[in-house]
């Protein structure tokens, strides 16, 4: 065993600071193991959110050495233990206490998305590639790491009129389904603010489920919004026919 030093954020919405803890590190440990050891030996009141410890519940999101990660998936043998391991709560959401943040806003955004609405009297037949495309989006475990690194939310604090990458994935899961009968491009343009995204791909880089958020969800949705609302030929057709934008 070796000894490592962890600097863990302790505090609440009013403020806080990093507190040092020494942890005996064993082979195979992850950051969440170290946090549990700190709770058991030094700080039983340390607040942390976790559930499955299998990288499937999305609960233990944090920033480890400045990188948004799942603590249960971040191995200690992949970190430089000759210097302190810094563990902080995800930055884009208000701190409740210690490593626990308030992510309630995300669930309010989710309520705005119309659910899957199947086409009427249509045969349920589609290509395998269509199945693969929507199944990828359904792997999301709602860890909200992508929301945390999104510069629109993180750097600019835009939460009114912007949904963030997790919910662009959520829209893509129904909008791109071959049997869905709704058009959500007006929602994406006006209420979800997809135009704010400048496709830096930082959300894709931190996704623990390896979802290609930018390439497979955001860019195709942006193209649909452009086709529906900015294409000059379609605009002229709408003007001549008296139809409104979808």
C-alpha atoms as a PDB file:
ATOM      1  CA  UNK A   1       0.000   0.000   0.000  1.00  0.00           C
ATOM      2  CA  UNK A   2       1.025   3.583  -0.598  1.00  0.00           C
ATOM      3  CA  UNK A   3      -0.237   6.772   1.000  1.00  0.00           C
ATOM      4  CA  UNK A   4      -1.832   9.528  -1.057  1.00  0.00           C
ATOM      5  CA  UNK A   5      -3.087  12.963  -0.116  1.00  0.00           C
ATOM      6  CA  UNK A   6      -6.569  14.033  -1.180  1.00  0.00           C
ATOM      7  CA  UNK A   7      -7.750  17.619  -1.188  1.00  0.00           C
ATOM      8  CA  UNK A   8     -11.537  17.401  -0.962  1.00  0.00           C
ATOM      9  CA  UNK A   9     -13.942  20.319  -1.132  1.00  0.00           C
ATOM     10  CA  UNK A  10     -15.852  20.853   2.097  1.00  0.00           C
ATOM     11  CA  UNK A  11     -18.568  23.474   2.228  1.00  0.00           C
ATOM     12  CA  UNK A  12     -21.998  24.485   1.031  1.00  0.00           C
ATOM     13  CA  UNK A  13     -23.752  27.169  -1.026  1.00  0.00           C
ATOM     14  CA  UNK A  14     -22.252  29.891   1.178  1.00  0.00           C
ATOM     15  CA  UNK A  15     -18.673  28.818   0.464  1.00  0.00           C
ATOM     16  CA  UNK A  16     -16.022  26.336   1.438  1.00  0.00           C
ATOM     17  CA  UNK A  17     -12.451  25.208   0.934  1.00  0.00           C
ATOM     18  CA  UNK A  18     -10.282  22.220   0.133  1.00  0.00           C
ATOM     19  CA  UNK A  19      -9.435  20.043   3.111  1.00  0.00           C
ATOM     20  CA  UNK A  20      -6.484  17.602   3.123  1.00  0.00           C
ATOM     21  CA  UNK A  21      -6.889  13.912   3.960  1.00  0.00           C
ATOM     22  CA  UNK A  22      -4.343  11.088   3.881  1.00  0.00           C
ATOM     23  CA  UNK A  23      -5.529   7.797   2.403  1.00  0.00           C
ATOM     24  CA  UNK A  24      -3.898   4.393   2.226  1.00  0.00           C
ATOM     25  CA  UNK A  25      -4.178   3.379  -1.425  1.00  0.00           C
ATOM     26  CA  UNK A  26      -4.488  -0.248  -2.448  1.00  0.00           C
ATOM     27  CA  UNK A  27      -4.345  -1.843  -5.888  1.00  0.00           C
ATOM     28  CA  UNK A  28      -7.570  -1.498  -7.872  1.00  0.00           C
ATOM     29  CA  UNK A  29      -8.998   1.437  -5.908  1.00  0.00           C
ATOM     30  CA  UNK A  30     -10.992   4.184  -7.569  1.00  0.00           C
ATOM     31  CA  UNK A  31     -11.576   7.731  -6.352  1.00  0.00           C
ATOM     32  CA  UNK A  32     -14.923   6.776  -4.818  1.00  0.00           C
ATOM     33  CA  UNK A  33     -13.164   4.112  -2.718  1.00  0.00           C
ATOM     34  CA  UNK A  34     -10.848   6.799  -1.364  1.00  0.00           C
ATOM     35  CA  UNK A  35     -13.783   9.085  -0.550  1.00  0.00           C
ATOM     36  CA  UNK A  36     -15.481   6.239   1.314  1.00  0.00           C
ATOM     37  CA  UNK A  37     -12.260   5.601   3.242  1.00  0.00           C
ATOM     38  CA  UNK A  38     -12.107   9.278   4.192  1.00  0.00           C
ATOM     39  CA  UNK A  39     -15.711   9.055   5.407  1.00  0.00           C
ATOM     40  CA  UNK A  40     -14.936   5.950   7.457  1.00  0.00           C
ATOM     41  CA  UNK A  41     -11.733   7.186   9.058  1.00  0.00           C
ATOM     42  CA  UNK A  42     -11.654  10.980   9.146  1.00  0.00           C
ATOM     43  CA  UNK A  43     -14.844  12.723   8.052  1.00  0.00           C
ATOM     44  CA  UNK A  44     -18.105  10.795   8.585  1.00  0.00           C
ATOM     45  CA  UNK A  45     -20.070  13.937   7.712  1.00  0.00           C
ATOM     46  CA  UNK A  46     -18.529  14.253   4.225  1.00  0.00           C
ATOM     47  CA  UNK A  47     -21.455  14.432   1.799  1.00  0.00           C
ATOM     48  CA  UNK A  48     -21.201  12.554  -1.497  1.00  0.00           C
ATOM     49  CA  UNK A  49     -23.822  11.206  -3.872  1.00  0.00           C
ATOM     50  CA  UNK A  50     -23.390   7.661  -5.193  1.00  0.00           C
ATOM     51  CA  UNK A  51     -25.396   4.505  -5.788  1.00  0.00           C
ATOM     52  CA  UNK A  52     -24.241   1.652  -8.022  1.00  0.00           C
ATOM     53  CA  UNK A  53     -20.431   2.026  -8.073  1.00  0.00           C
ATOM     54  CA  UNK A  54     -20.603   0.491 -11.549  1.00  0.00           C
ATOM     55  CA  UNK A  55     -20.658   3.649 -13.709  1.00  0.00           C
ATOM     56  CA  UNK A  56     -24.316   3.130 -14.593  1.00  0.00           C
ATOM     57  CA  UNK A  57     -26.297   5.333 -12.209  1.00  0.00           C
ATOM     58  CA  UNK A  58     -24.495   8.604 -12.978  1.00  0.00           C
ATOM     59  CA  UNK A  59     -24.658   9.739  -9.346  1.00  0.00           C
ATOM     60  CA  UNK A  60     -21.001  10.188  -8.396  1.00  0.00           C
ATOM     61  CA  UNK A  61     -20.093  12.970 -10.815  1.00  0.00           C
ATOM     62  CA  UNK A  62     -17.278  15.219  -9.610  1.00  0.00           C
ATOM     63  CA  UNK A  63     -14.210  17.066 -10.852  1.00  0.00           C
ATOM     64  CA  UNK A  64     -11.063  15.056 -10.202  1.00  0.00           C
ATOM     65  CA  UNK A  65      -7.862  17.050 -10.756  1.00  0.00           C
ATOM     66  CA  UNK A  66      -9.963  19.489 -12.745  1.00  0.00           C
ATOM     67  CA  UNK A  67     -11.479  16.874 -15.057  1.00  0.00           C
ATOM     68  CA  UNK A  68     -15.231  16.123 -14.833  1.00  0.00           C
ATOM     69  CA  UNK A  69     -15.428  12.391 -14.141  1.00  0.00           C
ATOM     70  CA  UNK A  70     -17.371   9.632 -12.461  1.00  0.00           C
ATOM     71  CA  UNK A  71     -15.533   8.927  -9.214  1.00  0.00           C
ATOM     72  CA  UNK A  72     -16.372   5.230  -9.446  1.00  0.00           C
ATOM     73  CA  UNK A  73     -14.748   5.012 -12.875  1.00  0.00           C
ATOM     74  CA  UNK A  74     -11.606   7.030 -12.156  1.00  0.00           C
ATOM     75  CA  UNK A  75      -8.840   4.622 -11.134  1.00  0.00           C
ATOM     76  CA  UNK A  76      -6.205   5.853  -8.719  1.00  0.00           C
ATOM     77  CA  UNK A  77      -3.438   4.068 -10.617  1.00  0.00           C
ATOM     78  CA  UNK A  78      -4.199   6.397 -13.535  1.00  0.00           C
ATOM     79  CA  UNK A  79      -3.547   9.505 -11.395  1.00  0.00           C
ATOM     80  CA  UNK A  80      -0.214  11.004 -10.303  1.00  0.00           C
ATOM     81  CA  UNK A  81      -0.247  10.133  -6.604  1.00  0.00           C
ATOM     82  CA  UNK A  82       3.013  11.965  -5.908  1.00  0.00           C
ATOM     83  CA  UNK A  83       0.889  15.112  -5.739  1.00  0.00           C
ATOM     84  CA  UNK A  84      -2.493  15.780  -4.073  1.00  0.00           C
ATOM     85  CA  UNK A  85      -5.604  14.403  -5.777  1.00  0.00           C
ATOM     86  CA  UNK A  86      -8.092  17.283  -5.883  1.00  0.00           C
ATOM     87  CA  UNK A  87     -11.775  16.341  -5.711  1.00  0.00           C
ATOM     88  CA  UNK A  88     -14.391  19.061  -6.185  1.00  0.00           C
ATOM     89  CA  UNK A  89     -18.131  19.110  -6.977  1.00  0.00           C
ATOM     90  CA  UNK A  90     -19.131  19.670 -10.594  1.00  0.00           C
ATOM     91  CA  UNK A  91     -18.875  23.386 -11.183  1.00  0.00           C
ATOM     92  CA  UNK A  92     -21.898  24.241 -13.316  1.00  0.00           C
ATOM     93  CA  UNK A  93     -24.517  23.532 -10.650  1.00  0.00           C
ATOM     94  CA  UNK A  94     -25.092  24.993  -7.165  1.00  0.00           C
ATOM     95  CA  UNK A  95     -23.402  23.223  -4.285  1.00  0.00           C
ATOM     96  CA  UNK A  96     -25.723  21.746  -1.682  1.00  0.00           C
ATOM     97  CA  UNK A  97     -22.981  20.370   0.554  1.00  0.00           C
ATOM     98  CA  UNK A  98     -19.435  19.130  -0.035  1.00  0.00           C
ATOM     99  CA  UNK A  99     -19.466  17.044  -3.257  1.00  0.00           C
ATOM    100  CA  UNK A 100     -23.258  17.097  -3.699  1.00  0.00           C
ATOM    101  CA  UNK A 101     -24.747  19.586  -6.167  1.00  0.00           C
ATOM    102  CA  UNK A 102     -28.285  20.613  -7.041  1.00  0.00           C
ATOM    103  CA  UNK A 103     -29.055  19.317 -10.560  1.00  0.00           C
ATOM    104  CA  UNK A 104     -32.819  19.836 -10.358  1.00  0.00           C
ATOM    105  CA  UNK A 105     -32.738  22.307 -13.265  1.00  0.00           C
ATOM    106  CA  UNK A 106     -31.966  19.437 -15.639  1.00  0.00           C
ATOM    107  CA  UNK A 107     -35.202  17.648 -14.819  1.00  0.00           C
ATOM    108  CA  UNK A 108     -37.189  20.824 -15.414  1.00  0.00           C
ATOM    109  CA  UNK A 109     -35.669  21.053 -18.899  1.00  0.00           C
ATOM    110  CA  UNK A 110     -36.593  17.431 -19.563  1.00  0.00           C
ATOM    111  CA  UNK A 111     -40.285  18.192 -18.978  1.00  0.00           C
ATOM    112  CA  UNK A 112     -40.322  20.494 -22.027  1.00  0.00           C
ATOM    113  CA  UNK A 113     -39.503  17.720 -24.500  1.00  0.00           C
ATOM    114  CA  UNK A 114     -42.526  16.103 -26.181  1.00  0.00           C
ATOM    115  CA  UNK A 115     -42.353  12.313 -25.802  1.00  0.00           C
ATOM    116  CA  UNK A 116     -42.107   9.769 -28.577  1.00  0.00           C
ATOM    117  CA  UNK A 117     -45.268   9.956 -30.698  1.00  0.00           C
ATOM    118  CA  UNK A 118     -45.639   7.026 -33.139  1.00  0.00           C
ATOM    119  CA  UNK A 119     -46.945   7.495 -36.654  1.00  0.00           C
ATOM    120  CA  UNK A 120     -50.512   6.368 -37.161  1.00  0.00           C
ATOM    121  CA  UNK A 121     -51.287   3.440 -39.431  1.00  0.00           C
ATOM    122  CA  UNK A 122     -47.645   3.007 -40.445  1.00  0.00           C
ATOM    123  CA  UNK A 123     -45.840  -0.360 -40.584  1.00  0.00           C
ATOM    124  CA  UNK A 124     -43.197  -0.778 -37.905  1.00  0.00           C
ATOM    125  CA  UNK A 125     -40.319  -1.476 -40.267  1.00  0.00           C
ATOM    126  CA  UNK A 126     -36.984   0.292 -40.409  1.00  0.00           C
ATOM    127  CA  UNK A 127     -33.322  -0.292 -41.182  1.00  0.00           C
ATOM    128  CA  UNK A 128     -30.854  -1.653 -38.626  1.00  0.00           C
ATOM    129  CA  UNK A 129     -28.827   1.571 -38.876  1.00  0.00           C
ATOM    130  CA  UNK A 130     -31.895   3.510 -37.708  1.00  0.00           C
ATOM    131  CA  UNK A 131     -32.174   1.256 -34.654  1.00  0.00           C
ATOM    132  CA  UNK A 132     -28.466   1.612 -33.880  1.00  0.00           C
ATOM    133  CA  UNK A 133     -28.666   5.396 -34.115  1.00  0.00           C
ATOM    134  CA  UNK A 134     -31.428   5.873 -31.543  1.00  0.00           C
ATOM    135  CA  UNK A 135     -30.124   3.125 -29.250  1.00  0.00           C
ATOM    136  CA  UNK A 136     -26.847   5.008 -28.850  1.00  0.00           C
ATOM    137  CA  UNK A 137     -28.693   8.006 -27.401  1.00  0.00           C
ATOM    138  CA  UNK A 138     -30.549   5.818 -24.903  1.00  0.00           C
ATOM    139  CA  UNK A 139     -27.280   4.791 -23.245  1.00  0.00           C
ATOM    140  CA  UNK A 140     -27.216   8.131 -21.399  1.00  0.00           C
ATOM    141  CA  UNK A 141     -27.025   7.654 -17.607  1.00  0.00           C
ATOM    142  CA  UNK A 142     -27.692  11.335 -16.811  1.00  0.00           C
ATOM    143  CA  UNK A 143     -24.457  11.945 -14.969  1.00  0.00           C
ATOM    144  CA  UNK A 144     -24.657  15.513 -16.341  1.00  0.00           C
ATOM    145  CA  UNK A 145     -20.913  15.659 -16.973  1.00  0.00           C
ATOM    146  CA  UNK A 146     -21.676  16.923 -20.477  1.00  0.00           C
ATOM    147  CA  UNK A 147     -23.839  19.665 -18.973  1.00  0.00           C
ATOM    148  CA  UNK A 148     -20.996  20.546 -16.626  1.00  0.00           C
ATOM    149  CA  UNK A 149     -18.377  21.045 -19.345  1.00  0.00           C
ATOM    150  CA  UNK A 150     -20.685  22.826 -21.804  1.00  0.00           C
ATOM    151  CA  UNK A 151     -19.200  26.319 -22.122  1.00  0.00           C
ATOM    152  CA  UNK A 152     -22.644  27.906 -22.557  1.00  0.00           C
ATOM    153  CA  UNK A 153     -23.674  26.679 -19.098  1.00  0.00           C
ATOM    154  CA  UNK A 154     -20.268  26.603 -17.404  1.00  0.00           C
ATOM    155  CA  UNK A 155     -18.695  29.846 -18.597  1.00  0.00           C
ATOM    156  CA  UNK A 156     -21.700  31.973 -19.480  1.00  0.00           C
ATOM    157  CA  UNK A 157     -24.272  30.659 -17.012  1.00  0.00           C
ATOM    158  CA  UNK A 158     -26.967  30.428 -19.696  1.00  0.00           C
ATOM    159  CA  UNK A 159     -29.748  28.202 -18.381  1.00  0.00           C
ATOM    160  CA  UNK A 160     -32.756  30.171 -19.581  1.00  0.00           C
ATOM    161  CA  UNK A 161     -33.397  29.352 -23.221  1.00  0.00           C
ATOM    162  CA  UNK A 162     -30.697  26.698 -23.419  1.00  0.00           C
ATOM    163  CA  UNK A 163     -31.030  22.971 -22.787  1.00  0.00           C
ATOM    164  CA  UNK A 164     -27.487  21.657 -22.946  1.00  0.00           C
ATOM    165  CA  UNK A 165     -26.008  18.564 -24.631  1.00  0.00           C
ATOM    166  CA  UNK A 166     -27.762  15.971 -22.464  1.00  0.00           C
ATOM    167  CA  UNK A 167     -31.160  17.173 -23.662  1.00  0.00           C
ATOM    168  CA  UNK A 168     -30.117  17.562 -27.268  1.00  0.00           C
ATOM    169  CA  UNK A 169     -29.340  13.847 -26.984  1.00  0.00           C
ATOM    170  CA  UNK A 170     -32.763  13.320 -25.417  1.00  0.00           C
ATOM    171  CA  UNK A 171     -34.454  15.127 -28.322  1.00  0.00           C
ATOM    172  CA  UNK A 172     -32.366  13.193 -30.841  1.00  0.00           C
ATOM    173  CA  UNK A 173     -33.516   9.897 -29.329  1.00  0.00           C
ATOM    174  CA  UNK A 174     -37.104  10.656 -30.340  1.00  0.00           C
ATOM    175  CA  UNK A 175     -36.662  13.122 -33.213  1.00  0.00           C
ATOM    176  CA  UNK A 176     -34.494  10.699 -35.197  1.00  0.00           C
ATOM    177  CA  UNK A 177     -36.617   7.651 -34.477  1.00  0.00           C
ATOM    178  CA  UNK A 178     -38.009   6.440 -37.843  1.00  0.00           C
ATOM    179  CA  UNK A 179     -41.478   5.945 -36.348  1.00  0.00           C
ATOM    180  CA  UNK A 180     -41.785   9.298 -34.557  1.00  0.00           C
ATOM    181  CA  UNK A 181     -44.360  11.670 -36.021  1.00  0.00           C
ATOM    182  CA  UNK A 182     -43.508  15.004 -34.348  1.00  0.00           C
ATOM    183  CA  UNK A 183     -41.294  17.872 -35.467  1.00  0.00           C
ATOM    184  CA  UNK A 184     -39.328  19.458 -32.619  1.00  0.00           C
ATOM    185  CA  UNK A 185     -37.153  21.891 -34.587  1.00  0.00           C
ATOM    186  CA  UNK A 186     -39.055  24.945 -33.348  1.00  0.00           C
ATOM    187  CA  UNK A 187     -38.470  23.779 -29.764  1.00  0.00           C
ATOM    188  CA  UNK A 188     -34.764  23.267 -30.478  1.00  0.00           C
ATOM    189  CA  UNK A 189     -34.447  26.706 -32.064  1.00  0.00           C
ATOM    190  CA  UNK A 190     -36.523  28.859 -29.732  1.00  0.00           C
ATOM    191  CA  UNK A 191     -36.703  27.251 -26.284  1.00  0.00           C
ATOM    192  CA  UNK A 192     -33.686  24.950 -26.199  1.00  0.00           C
ATOM    193  CA  UNK A 193     -31.242  27.347 -27.890  1.00  0.00           C
ATOM    194  CA  UNK A 194     -29.343  24.826 -29.969  1.00  0.00           C
ATOM    195  CA  UNK A 195     -27.865  27.742 -31.923  1.00  0.00           C
ATOM    196  CA  UNK A 196     -25.732  28.658 -28.894  1.00  0.00           C
ATOM    197  CA  UNK A 197     -23.744  25.423 -29.244  1.00  0.00           C
ATOM    198  CA  UNK A 198     -20.554  25.913 -31.258  1.00  0.00           C
ATOM    199  CA  UNK A 199     -19.759  22.174 -31.387  1.00  0.00           C
ATOM    200  CA  UNK A 200     -16.482  22.167 -29.447  1.00  0.00           C
ATOM    201  CA  UNK A 201     -17.033  18.446 -28.681  1.00  0.00           C
ATOM    202  CA  UNK A 202     -16.063  18.862 -25.012  1.00  0.00           C
ATOM    203  CA  UNK A 203     -19.329  17.113 -24.081  1.00  0.00           C
ATOM    204  CA  UNK A 204     -18.400  14.070 -26.155  1.00  0.00           C
ATOM    205  CA  UNK A 205     -14.955  13.897 -24.545  1.00  0.00           C
ATOM    206  CA  UNK A 206     -16.317  13.480 -20.998  1.00  0.00           C
ATOM    207  CA  UNK A 207     -19.230  11.121 -21.747  1.00  0.00           C
ATOM    208  CA  UNK A 208     -18.660   7.899 -19.749  1.00  0.00           C
ATOM    209  CA  UNK A 209     -20.931   5.987 -22.147  1.00  0.00           C
ATOM    210  CA  UNK A 210     -18.942   7.113 -25.213  1.00  0.00           C
ATOM    211  CA  UNK A 211     -21.996   8.644 -26.868  1.00  0.00           C
ATOM    212  CA  UNK A 212     -20.997  10.697 -29.917  1.00  0.00           C
ATOM    213  CA  UNK A 213     -23.024  13.648 -28.652  1.00  0.00           C
ATOM    214  CA  UNK A 214     -21.731  16.257 -31.089  1.00  0.00           C
ATOM    215  CA  UNK A 215     -21.414  14.272 -34.300  1.00  0.00           C
ATOM    216  CA  UNK A 216     -24.456  12.018 -33.989  1.00  0.00           C
ATOM    217  CA  UNK A 217     -26.935  14.201 -32.078  1.00  0.00           C
ATOM    218  CA  UNK A 218     -26.169  17.936 -32.049  1.00  0.00           C
ATOM    219  CA  UNK A 219     -24.932  18.400 -35.625  1.00  0.00           C
ATOM    220  CA  UNK A 220     -27.827  16.453 -37.244  1.00  0.00           C
ATOM    221  CA  UNK A 221     -30.318  18.388 -35.101  1.00  0.00           C
ATOM    222  CA  UNK A 222     -28.704  21.680 -36.101  1.00  0.00           C
ATOM    223  CA  UNK A 223     -29.046  20.649 -39.747  1.00  0.00           C
ATOM    224  CA  UNK A 224     -32.746  19.940 -39.264  1.00  0.00           C
ATOM    225  CA  UNK A 225     -33.263  23.338 -37.633  1.00  0.00           C
ATOM    226  CA  UNK A 226     -31.479  25.075 -40.508  1.00  0.00           C
ATOM    227  CA  UNK A 227     -33.477  23.136 -43.105  1.00  0.00           C
ATOM    228  CA  UNK A 228     -36.785  23.964 -41.435  1.00  0.00           C
ATOM    229  CA  UNK A 229     -36.216  27.574 -40.422  1.00  0.00           C
ATOM    230  CA  UNK A 230     -33.415  29.111 -42.478  1.00  0.00           C
ATOM    231  CA  UNK A 231     -33.543  27.444 -45.884  1.00  0.00           C
ATOM    232  CA  UNK A 232     -34.548  30.246 -48.339  1.00  0.00           C
ATOM    233  CA  UNK A 233     -36.429  27.918 -50.687  1.00  0.00           C
ATOM    234  CA  UNK A 234     -38.539  26.523 -47.854  1.00  0.00           C
ATOM    235  CA  UNK A 235     -39.115  30.061 -46.546  1.00  0.00           C
ATOM    236  CA  UNK A 236     -40.447  31.209 -49.917  1.00  0.00           C
ATOM    237  CA  UNK A 237     -42.669  28.129 -50.113  1.00  0.00           C
ATOM    238  CA  UNK A 238     -44.078  28.873 -46.651  1.00  0.00           C
ATOM    239  CA  UNK A 239     -44.751  32.477 -47.596  1.00  0.00           C
ATOM    240  CA  UNK A 240     -46.540  31.473 -50.805  1.00  0.00           C
ATOM    241  CA  UNK A 241     -48.513  28.709 -49.143  1.00  0.00           C
ATOM    242  CA  UNK A 242     -49.308  30.655 -45.989  1.00  0.00           C
ATOM    243  CA  UNK A 243     -47.860  27.888 -43.805  1.00  0.00           C
ATOM    244  CA  UNK A 244     -46.008  28.615 -40.561  1.00  0.00           C
ATOM    245  CA  UNK A 245     -42.612  27.218 -39.636  1.00  0.00           C
ATOM    246  CA  UNK A 246     -42.824  23.783 -38.086  1.00  0.00           C
END
